[in-house]
Amino acid sequence: MNATELRSKSVGELRLELQNLLREKFNLSMQRGIGQLSRPDQMSKVRKDIARVYTVINEKIRAGDAS
């Protein structure tokens, strides 16, 4: 997922995407906690995607596109 894909979405869609990413991060952290995380690099990818979504949401809100 890159920033240009995210910028084409509305704030509502971005918040839904954010909710899904936070759920995925929680699931990955639970897997890590019990030692079943098969791909440790997924955790950092999800965290970076979450940061991207937050950034684009803030950009849209500051630009007045908070619809």
PDB file of N, CA and C in Angstrom:
ATOM      1  N   MET A   1       0.846  -1.170   0.000  1.00  0.00           N
ATOM      2  CA  MET A   1       0.000   0.000   0.000  1.00  0.00           C
ATOM      3  C   MET A   1       0.896   1.240   0.000  1.00  0.00           C
ATOM      4  N   ASN A   2       0.646   2.141  -0.946  1.00  0.00           N
ATOM      5  CA  ASN A   2       1.440   3.356  -0.988  1.00  0.00           C
ATOM      6  C   ASN A   2       0.552   4.578  -0.782  1.00  0.00           C
ATOM      7  N   ALA A   3       1.179   5.711  -0.612  1.00  0.00           N
ATOM      8  CA  ALA A   3       0.458   6.929  -0.262  1.00  0.00           C
ATOM      9  C   ALA A   3      -0.452   7.406  -1.389  1.00  0.00           C
ATOM     10  N   THR A   4      -0.083   7.177  -2.637  1.00  0.00           N
ATOM     11  CA  THR A   4      -0.935   7.637  -3.734  1.00  0.00           C
ATOM     12  C   THR A   4      -2.248   6.859  -3.770  1.00  0.00           C
ATOM     13  N   GLU A   5      -2.203   5.576  -3.442  1.00  0.00           N
ATOM     14  CA  GLU A   5      -3.441   4.791  -3.345  1.00  0.00           C
ATOM     15  C   GLU A   5      -4.317   5.332  -2.220  1.00  0.00           C
ATOM     16  N   LEU A   6      -3.685   5.673  -1.108  1.00  0.00           N
ATOM     17  CA  LEU A   6      -4.439   6.151   0.046  1.00  0.00           C
ATOM     18  C   LEU A   6      -5.055   7.520  -0.210  1.00  0.00           C
ATOM     19  N   ARG A   7      -4.347   8.377  -0.935  1.00  0.00           N
ATOM     20  CA  ARG A   7      -4.860   9.728  -1.191  1.00  0.00           C
ATOM     21  C   ARG A   7      -6.098   9.719  -2.071  1.00  0.00           C
ATOM     22  N   SER A   8      -6.294   8.657  -2.824  1.00  0.00           N
ATOM     23  CA  SER A   8      -7.470   8.584  -3.688  1.00  0.00           C
ATOM     24  C   SER A   8      -8.723   8.152  -2.922  1.00  0.00           C
ATOM     25  N   LYS A   9      -8.566   7.713  -1.688  1.00  0.00           N
ATOM     26  CA  LYS A   9      -9.700   7.257  -0.877  1.00  0.00           C
ATOM     27  C   LYS A   9     -10.257   8.413  -0.038  1.00  0.00           C
ATOM     28  N   SER A  10     -11.504   8.245   0.390  1.00  0.00           N
ATOM     29  CA  SER A  10     -12.117   9.253   1.254  1.00  0.00           C
ATOM     30  C   SER A  10     -11.674   9.015   2.703  1.00  0.00           C
ATOM     31  N   VAL A  11     -11.972   9.977   3.559  1.00  0.00           N
ATOM     32  CA  VAL A  11     -11.583   9.858   4.960  1.00  0.00           C
ATOM     33  C   VAL A  11     -12.291   8.669   5.613  1.00  0.00           C
ATOM     34  N   GLY A  12     -13.540   8.442   5.257  1.00  0.00           N
ATOM     35  CA  GLY A  12     -14.272   7.296   5.806  1.00  0.00           C
ATOM     36  C   GLY A  12     -13.630   5.977   5.424  1.00  0.00           C
ATOM     37  N   GLU A  13     -13.224   5.870   4.165  1.00  0.00           N
ATOM     38  CA  GLU A  13     -12.550   4.649   3.715  1.00  0.00           C
ATOM     39  C   GLU A  13     -11.205   4.485   4.401  1.00  0.00           C
ATOM     40  N   LEU A  14     -10.521   5.606   4.613  1.00  0.00           N
ATOM     41  CA  LEU A  14      -9.231   5.542   5.298  1.00  0.00           C
ATOM     42  C   LEU A  14      -9.390   5.083   6.743  1.00  0.00           C
ATOM     43  N   ARG A  15     -10.441   5.552   7.389  1.00  0.00           N
ATOM     44  CA  ARG A  15     -10.663   5.129   8.780  1.00  0.00           C
ATOM     45  C   ARG A  15     -11.006   3.651   8.862  1.00  0.00           C
ATOM     46  N   LEU A  16     -11.725   3.155   7.871  1.00  0.00           N
ATOM     47  CA  LEU A  16     -12.012   1.725   7.811  1.00  0.00           C
ATOM     48  C   LEU A  16     -10.726   0.933   7.584  1.00  0.00           C
ATOM     49  N   GLU A  17      -9.873   1.422   6.690  1.00  0.00           N
ATOM     50  CA  GLU A  17      -8.579   0.792   6.442  1.00  0.00           C
ATOM     51  C   GLU A  17      -7.725   0.797   7.709  1.00  0.00           C
ATOM     52  N   LEU A  18      -7.766   1.917   8.424  1.00  0.00           N
ATOM     53  CA  LEU A  18      -7.010   2.034   9.671  1.00  0.00           C
ATOM     54  C   LEU A  18      -7.500   1.019  10.697  1.00  0.00           C
ATOM     55  N   GLN A  19      -8.796   0.866  10.803  1.00  0.00           N
ATOM     56  CA  GLN A  19      -9.369  -0.101  11.736  1.00  0.00           C
ATOM     57  C   GLN A  19      -8.892  -1.520  11.397  1.00  0.00           C
ATOM     58  N   ASN A  20      -8.881  -1.857  10.117  1.00  0.00           N
ATOM     59  CA  ASN A  20      -8.417  -3.177   9.698  1.00  0.00           C
ATOM     60  C   ASN A  20      -6.935  -3.378  10.007  1.00  0.00           C
ATOM     61  N   LEU A  21      -6.129  -2.336   9.785  1.00  0.00           N
ATOM     62  CA  LEU A  21      -4.703  -2.442  10.058  1.00  0.00           C
ATOM     63  C   LEU A  21      -4.432  -2.579  11.553  1.00  0.00           C
ATOM     64  N   LEU A  22      -5.175  -1.851  12.373  1.00  0.00           N
ATOM     65  CA  LEU A  22      -4.988  -1.968  13.819  1.00  0.00           C
ATOM     66  C   LEU A  22      -5.371  -3.359  14.309  1.00  0.00           C
ATOM     67  N   ARG A  23      -6.415  -3.927  13.723  1.00  0.00           N
ATOM     68  CA  ARG A  23      -6.817  -5.288  14.073  1.00  0.00           C
ATOM     69  C   ARG A  23      -5.727  -6.287  13.669  1.00  0.00           C
ATOM     70  N   GLU A  24      -5.144  -6.066  12.480  1.00  0.00           N
ATOM     71  CA  GLU A  24      -4.078  -6.948  12.018  1.00  0.00           C
ATOM     72  C   GLU A  24      -2.844  -6.831  12.910  1.00  0.00           C
ATOM     73  N   LYS A  25      -2.533  -5.614  13.327  1.00  0.00           N
ATOM     74  CA  LYS A  25      -1.390  -5.406  14.228  1.00  0.00           C
ATOM     75  C   LYS A  25      -1.622  -6.132  15.550  1.00  0.00           C
ATOM     76  N   PHE A  26      -2.840  -6.068  16.062  1.00  0.00           N
ATOM     77  CA  PHE A  26      -3.159  -6.768  17.304  1.00  0.00           C
ATOM     78  C   PHE A  26      -2.978  -8.272  17.132  1.00  0.00           C
ATOM     79  N   ASN A  27      -3.494  -8.809  16.023  1.00  0.00           N
ATOM     80  CA  ASN A  27      -3.360 -10.248  15.781  1.00  0.00           C
ATOM     81  C   ASN A  27      -1.905 -10.663  15.655  1.00  0.00           C
ATOM     82  N   LEU A  28      -1.098  -9.846  14.983  1.00  0.00           N
ATOM     83  CA  LEU A  28       0.318 -10.164  14.857  1.00  0.00           C
ATOM     84  C   LEU A  28       1.027 -10.114  16.202  1.00  0.00           C
ATOM     85  N   SER A  29       0.661  -9.161  17.040  1.00  0.00           N
ATOM     86  CA  SER A  29       1.308  -9.077  18.348  1.00  0.00           C
ATOM     87  C   SER A  29       0.912 -10.256  19.234  1.00  0.00           C
ATOM     88  N   MET A  30      -0.308 -10.747  19.083  1.00  0.00           N
ATOM     89  CA  MET A  30      -0.717 -11.945  19.823  1.00  0.00           C
ATOM     90  C   MET A  30       0.054 -13.164  19.335  1.00  0.00           C
ATOM     91  N   GLN A  31       0.232 -13.277  18.034  1.00  0.00           N
ATOM     92  CA  GLN A  31       1.009 -14.392  17.495  1.00  0.00           C
ATOM     93  C   GLN A  31       2.455 -14.329  17.961  1.00  0.00           C
ATOM     94  N   ARG A  32       3.011 -13.123  18.001  1.00  0.00           N
ATOM     95  CA  ARG A  32       4.387 -12.971  18.474  1.00  0.00           C
ATOM     96  C   ARG A  32       4.490 -13.364  19.942  1.00  0.00           C
ATOM     97  N   GLY A  33       3.480 -13.011  20.710  1.00  0.00           N
ATOM     98  CA  GLY A  33       3.496 -13.306  22.134  1.00  0.00           C
ATOM     99  C   GLY A  33       3.490 -14.791  22.447  1.00  0.00           C
ATOM    100  N   ILE A  34       2.828 -15.573  21.617  1.00  0.00           N
ATOM    101  CA  ILE A  34       2.783 -17.010  21.881  1.00  0.00           C
ATOM    102  C   ILE A  34       3.783 -17.781  21.016  1.00  0.00           C
ATOM    103  N   GLY A  35       4.606 -17.044  20.265  1.00  0.00           N
ATOM    104  CA  GLY A  35       5.677 -17.672  19.507  1.00  0.00           C
ATOM    105  C   GLY A  35       5.263 -18.292  18.190  1.00  0.00           C
ATOM    106  N   GLN A  36       4.150 -17.867  17.607  1.00  0.00           N
ATOM    107  CA  GLN A  36       3.697 -18.442  16.348  1.00  0.00           C
ATOM    108  C   GLN A  36       3.818 -17.489  15.166  1.00  0.00           C
ATOM    109  N   LEU A  37       4.519 -16.394  15.336  1.00  0.00           N
ATOM    110  CA  LEU A  37       4.654 -15.423  14.250  1.00  0.00           C
ATOM    111  C   LEU A  37       5.639 -15.962  13.223  1.00  0.00           C
ATOM    112  N   SER A  38       5.135 -16.297  12.045  1.00  0.00           N
ATOM    113  CA  SER A  38       5.985 -16.924  11.032  1.00  0.00           C
ATOM    114  C   SER A  38       6.820 -15.899  10.262  1.00  0.00           C
ATOM    115  N   ARG A  39       6.308 -14.679  10.116  1.00  0.00           N
ATOM    116  CA  ARG A  39       7.035 -13.640   9.372  1.00  0.00           C
ATOM    117  C   ARG A  39       7.155 -12.381  10.232  1.00  0.00           C
ATOM    118  N   PRO A  40       8.246 -12.244  10.967  1.00  0.00           N
ATOM    119  CA  PRO A  40       8.410 -11.083  11.850  1.00  0.00           C
ATOM    120  C   PRO A  40       8.427  -9.742  11.123  1.00  0.00           C
ATOM    121  N   ASP A  41       8.772  -9.730   9.843  1.00  0.00           N
ATOM    122  CA  ASP A  41       8.809  -8.471   9.100  1.00  0.00           C
ATOM    123  C   ASP A  41       7.414  -7.885   8.875  1.00  0.00           C
ATOM    124  N   GLN A  42       6.385  -8.701   8.996  1.00  0.00           N
ATOM    125  CA  GLN A  42       5.011  -8.218   8.812  1.00  0.00           C
ATOM    126  C   GLN A  42       4.651  -7.150   9.838  1.00  0.00           C
ATOM    127  N   MET A  43       5.170  -7.286  11.038  1.00  0.00           N
ATOM    128  CA  MET A  43       4.847  -6.331  12.104  1.00  0.00           C
ATOM    129  C   MET A  43       5.291  -4.922  11.715  1.00  0.00           C
ATOM    130  N   SER A  44       6.499  -4.787  11.206  1.00  0.00           N
ATOM    131  CA  SER A  44       6.979  -3.454  10.838  1.00  0.00           C
ATOM    132  C   SER A  44       6.246  -2.918   9.615  1.00  0.00           C
ATOM    133  N   LYS A  45       5.871  -3.780   8.680  1.00  0.00           N
ATOM    134  CA  LYS A  45       5.119  -3.329   7.508  1.00  0.00           C
ATOM    135  C   LYS A  45       3.751  -2.794   7.907  1.00  0.00           C
ATOM    136  N   VAL A  46       3.096  -3.472   8.837  1.00  0.00           N
ATOM    137  CA  VAL A  46       1.776  -3.028   9.288  1.00  0.00           C
ATOM    138  C   VAL A  46       1.892  -1.706  10.043  1.00  0.00           C
ATOM    139  N   ARG A  47       2.922  -1.568  10.871  1.00  0.00           N
ATOM    140  CA  ARG A  47       3.115  -0.306  11.604  1.00  0.00           C
ATOM    141  C   ARG A  47       3.349   0.855  10.642  1.00  0.00           C
ATOM    142  N   LYS A  48       4.122   0.618   9.594  1.00  0.00           N
ATOM    143  CA  LYS A  48       4.376   1.684   8.618  1.00  0.00           C
ATOM    144  C   LYS A  48       3.113   2.024   7.832  1.00  0.00           C
ATOM    145  N   ASP A  49       2.315   1.012   7.510  1.00  0.00           N
ATOM    146  CA  ASP A  49       1.050   1.273   6.825  1.00  0.00           C
ATOM    147  C   ASP A  49       0.109   2.086   7.706  1.00  0.00           C
ATOM    148  N   ILE A  50       0.076   1.782   8.997  1.00  0.00           N
ATOM    149  CA  ILE A  50      -0.751   2.548   9.935  1.00  0.00           C
ATOM    150  C   ILE A  50      -0.304   4.012   9.950  1.00  0.00           C
ATOM    151  N   ALA A  51       0.994   4.228   9.986  1.00  0.00           N
ATOM    152  CA  ALA A  51       1.518   5.597   9.987  1.00  0.00           C
ATOM    153  C   ALA A  51       1.144   6.318   8.690  1.00  0.00           C
ATOM    154  N   ARG A  52       1.197   5.614   7.560  1.00  0.00           N
ATOM    155  CA  ARG A  52       0.814   6.225   6.289  1.00  0.00           C
ATOM    156  C   ARG A  52      -0.651   6.644   6.296  1.00  0.00           C
ATOM    157  N   VAL A  53      -1.497   5.782   6.812  1.00  0.00           N
ATOM    158  CA  VAL A  53      -2.925   6.096   6.845  1.00  0.00           C
ATOM    159  C   VAL A  53      -3.176   7.306   7.738  1.00  0.00           C
ATOM    160  N   TYR A  54      -2.560   7.331   8.916  1.00  0.00           N
ATOM    161  CA  TYR A  54      -2.715   8.487   9.802  1.00  0.00           C
ATOM    162  C   TYR A  54      -2.244   9.771   9.105  1.00  0.00           C
ATOM    163  N   THR A  55      -1.137   9.701   8.390  1.00  0.00           N
ATOM    164  CA  THR A  55      -0.600  10.874   7.708  1.00  0.00           C
ATOM    165  C   THR A  55      -1.565  11.389   6.658  1.00  0.00           C
ATOM    166  N   VAL A  56      -2.107  10.495   5.844  1.00  0.00           N
ATOM    167  CA  VAL A  56      -3.024  10.917   4.779  1.00  0.00           C
ATOM    168  C   VAL A  56      -4.324  11.458   5.371  1.00  0.00           C
ATOM    169  N   ILE A  57      -4.814  10.845   6.450  1.00  0.00           N
ATOM    170  CA  ILE A  57      -6.017  11.365   7.104  1.00  0.00           C
ATOM    171  C   ILE A  57      -5.774  12.793   7.588  1.00  0.00           C
ATOM    172  N   ASN A  58      -4.636  13.020   8.236  1.00  0.00           N
ATOM    173  CA  ASN A  58      -4.324  14.368   8.716  1.00  0.00           C
ATOM    174  C   ASN A  58      -4.172  15.356   7.565  1.00  0.00           C
ATOM    175  N   GLU A  59      -3.569  14.929   6.463  1.00  0.00           N
ATOM    176  CA  GLU A  59      -3.447  15.806   5.298  1.00  0.00           C
ATOM    177  C   GLU A  59      -4.815  16.210   4.777  1.00  0.00           C
ATOM    178  N   LYS A  60      -5.719  15.242   4.686  1.00  0.00           N
ATOM    179  CA  LYS A  60      -7.059  15.527   4.175  1.00  0.00           C
ATOM    180  C   LYS A  60      -7.834  16.436   5.119  1.00  0.00           C
ATOM    181  N   ILE A  61      -7.703  16.234   6.417  1.00  0.00           N
ATOM    182  CA  ILE A  61      -8.406  17.064   7.384  1.00  0.00           C
ATOM    183  C   ILE A  61      -7.892  18.507   7.323  1.00  0.00           C
ATOM    184  N   ARG A  62      -6.585  18.665   7.231  1.00  0.00           N
ATOM    185  CA  ARG A  62      -6.007  20.016   7.160  1.00  0.00           C
ATOM    186  C   ARG A  62      -6.365  20.730   5.855  1.00  0.00           C
ATOM    187  N   ALA A  63      -6.544  19.946   4.792  1.00  0.00           N
ATOM    188  CA  ALA A  63      -6.901  20.537   3.498  1.00  0.00           C
ATOM    189  C   ALA A  63      -8.403  20.823   3.407  1.00  0.00           C
ATOM    190  N   GLY A  64      -9.172  20.338   4.364  1.00  0.00           N
ATOM    191  CA  GLY A  64     -10.595  20.583   4.361  1.00  0.00           C
ATOM    192  C   GLY A  64     -11.391  19.538   3.616  1.00  0.00           C
ATOM    193  N   ASP A  65     -10.787  18.406   3.335  1.00  0.00           N
ATOM    194  CA  ASP A  65     -11.468  17.325   2.614  1.00  0.00           C
ATOM    195  C   ASP A  65     -12.006  16.270   3.560  1.00  0.00           C
ATOM    196  N   ALA A  66     -12.397  16.637   4.746  1.00  0.00           N
ATOM    197  CA  ALA A  66     -12.824  15.665   5.763  1.00  0.00           C
ATOM    198  C   ALA A  66     -14.261  15.236   5.540  1.00  0.00           C
ATOM    199  N   SER A  67     -14.529  14.622   4.408  1.00  0.00           N
ATOM    200  CA  SER A  67     -15.883  14.157   4.117  1.00  0.00           C
ATOM    201  C   SER A  67     -15.958  12.651   4.193  1.00  0.00           C
TER     202      SER A  67
END
